[in-house]
Structure formats: C-alpha cells, structure tokens
Protein backbone atom coordinates (compact mmCIF):
# COMPACT_ATOMS: atom_id res chain seq x y z
CA UNK A 1 3.79 -8.20 19.57
CA UNK A 2 5.15 -9.05 16.13
CA UNK A 3 2.46 -6.88 14.52
CA UNK A 4 3.61 -3.91 16.60
CA UNK A 5 7.11 -4.23 15.14
CA UNK A 6 6.14 -5.04 11.56
CA UNK A 7 3.39 -2.46 11.13
CA UNK A 8 5.67 0.63 11.17
CA UNK A 9 8.17 -1.20 8.98
CA UNK A 10 5.50 -1.99 6.38
CA UNK A 11 4.30 1.61 6.40
CA UNK A 12 7.90 2.78 5.92
CA UNK A 13 8.46 0.46 2.96
CA UNK A 14 5.20 1.54 1.31
CA UNK A 15 6.15 5.18 1.87
CA UNK A 16 9.56 4.60 0.28
CA UNK A 17 7.95 2.99 -2.77
CA UNK A 18 5.57 5.95 -3.10
CA UNK A 19 8.47 8.43 -2.81
CA UNK A 20 10.38 6.43 -5.45
CA UNK A 21 7.39 6.65 -7.80
CA UNK A 22 6.99 10.39 -7.18
CA UNK A 23 10.73 10.94 -7.71
CA UNK A 24 10.44 9.16 -11.05
CA UNK A 25 7.47 11.34 -11.96
CA UNK A 26 9.47 14.45 -11.10
CA UNK A 27 12.36 13.23 -13.26
CA UNK A 28 9.96 12.52 -16.11
CA UNK A 29 8.41 16.00 -15.94
CA UNK A 30 11.51 18.06 -15.18
CA UNK A 31 13.64 16.37 -17.83
CA UNK A 32 11.08 16.49 -20.60
CA UNK A 33 13.68 17.77 -23.06
CA UNK A 34 16.21 15.02 -22.26
CA UNK A 35 15.35 11.63 -23.77
CA UNK A 36 17.48 9.66 -21.28
CA UNK A 37 16.10 11.59 -18.31
CA UNK A 38 12.53 10.90 -19.43
CA UNK A 39 13.32 7.21 -19.95
CA UNK A 40 14.87 6.99 -16.47
CA UNK A 41 11.85 8.74 -14.92
CA UNK A 42 9.45 6.45 -16.78
CA UNK A 43 11.36 3.36 -15.59
CA UNK A 44 11.28 4.60 -11.99
CA UNK A 45 7.54 5.22 -12.20
CA UNK A 46 6.91 1.74 -13.61
CA UNK A 47 8.94 0.04 -10.87
CA UNK A 48 7.31 2.21 -8.21
CA UNK A 49 3.84 1.19 -9.38
CA UNK A 50 4.85 -2.47 -9.53
CA UNK A 51 6.26 -2.30 -5.98
CA UNK A 52 3.13 -0.60 -4.63
CA UNK A 53 0.86 -3.09 -6.40
CA UNK A 54 2.76 -6.08 -5.02
CA UNK A 55 2.85 -4.69 -1.47
CA UNK A 56 -0.86 -3.83 -1.38
CA UNK A 57 -1.75 -7.18 -2.97
CA UNK A 58 0.21 -9.11 -0.36
CA UNK A 59 -1.31 -6.94 2.39
CA UNK A 60 -4.82 -7.68 1.08
CA UNK A 61 -4.08 -11.40 0.74
CA UNK A 62 -2.81 -11.57 4.33
CA UNK A 63 -5.95 -9.77 5.52
CA UNK A 64 -8.18 -12.19 3.60
CA UNK A 65 -6.32 -15.19 5.02
CA UNK A 66 -6.59 -13.78 8.54
CA UNK A 67 -10.32 -13.23 8.21
CA UNK A 68 -10.88 -16.59 6.52
CA UNK A 69 -9.07 -18.67 9.10
CA UNK A 70 -10.06 -16.48 12.07
CA UNK A 71 -6.46 -15.80 13.02
CA UNK A 72 -7.03 -12.36 14.36
CA UNK A 73 -8.67 -9.02 14.06
CA UNK A 74 -8.59 -6.91 10.94
CA UNK A 75 -5.39 -6.48 9.05
CA UNK A 76 -6.99 -3.84 6.85
CA UNK A 77 -6.69 -0.09 6.80
CA UNK A 78 -9.16 0.58 9.59
CA UNK A 79 -7.82 -2.03 11.98
CA UNK A 80 -11.33 -3.30 12.62
CA UNK A 81 -13.22 -6.03 10.85
CA UNK A 82 -16.63 -5.14 12.26
CA UNK A 83 -17.80 -3.33 9.13
CA UNK A 84 -20.68 -0.87 9.30
CA UNK A 85 -22.47 -0.57 12.58
CA UNK A 86 -25.11 1.95 13.31
CA UNK A 87 -26.34 3.29 16.60
CA UNK A 88 -29.45 1.63 17.94
CA UNK A 89 -30.29 -1.24 15.64
CA UNK A 90 -28.28 -0.44 12.55
CA UNK A 91 -26.95 -3.27 10.46
CA UNK A 92 -23.48 -4.72 10.62
CA UNK A 93 -21.53 -6.73 8.13
C-alpha cells in the first residue's frame, strides 16, 4: 500500500530533477554569449546531475537491501527480481 503511494511520487521527483538538468542545459546553450547565463546553466546542470545520482543511488541501495533481507519483490526498474527465464528449460538467475 505504501509502495503504491510512494512510487508515483518518486517518479515525479526524478522527472523534476531531469527537467531541472535539461533546463540548465538549455540555459547553457542558449546563453552562450552571456557569461553569467552560462555559469547559471552550468550550476543547474551540476545540481541536476547530483540530484539524479543521489536518487538513483538510494533507489539501488533500497533494492539491494530488499533483496538481501528478503523483504519483498523487486524494487528495480522491471518490478521483478526473477532475472532471465527462458521458455522450456532456460536458465534463471
């Protein structure tokens, strides 16, 4: 139940960080002749990358902890922790 509420919120926050990074990139490119505009765009890109890195790192750490302590099914991108499974005798991880 908690996952159903937090999942869209996490996706929204990640999307906002990506938009912030892209907005900084646009400022950096469009204001190439203005030194302050380029500096502002560069700063926005740096903070956007830092935010994305921290969010994906925490997301990965939570997924690792869930799988390590068997607290629930996959917290990864696919939503499944079954790995590769083939039809009729394939291998699974």
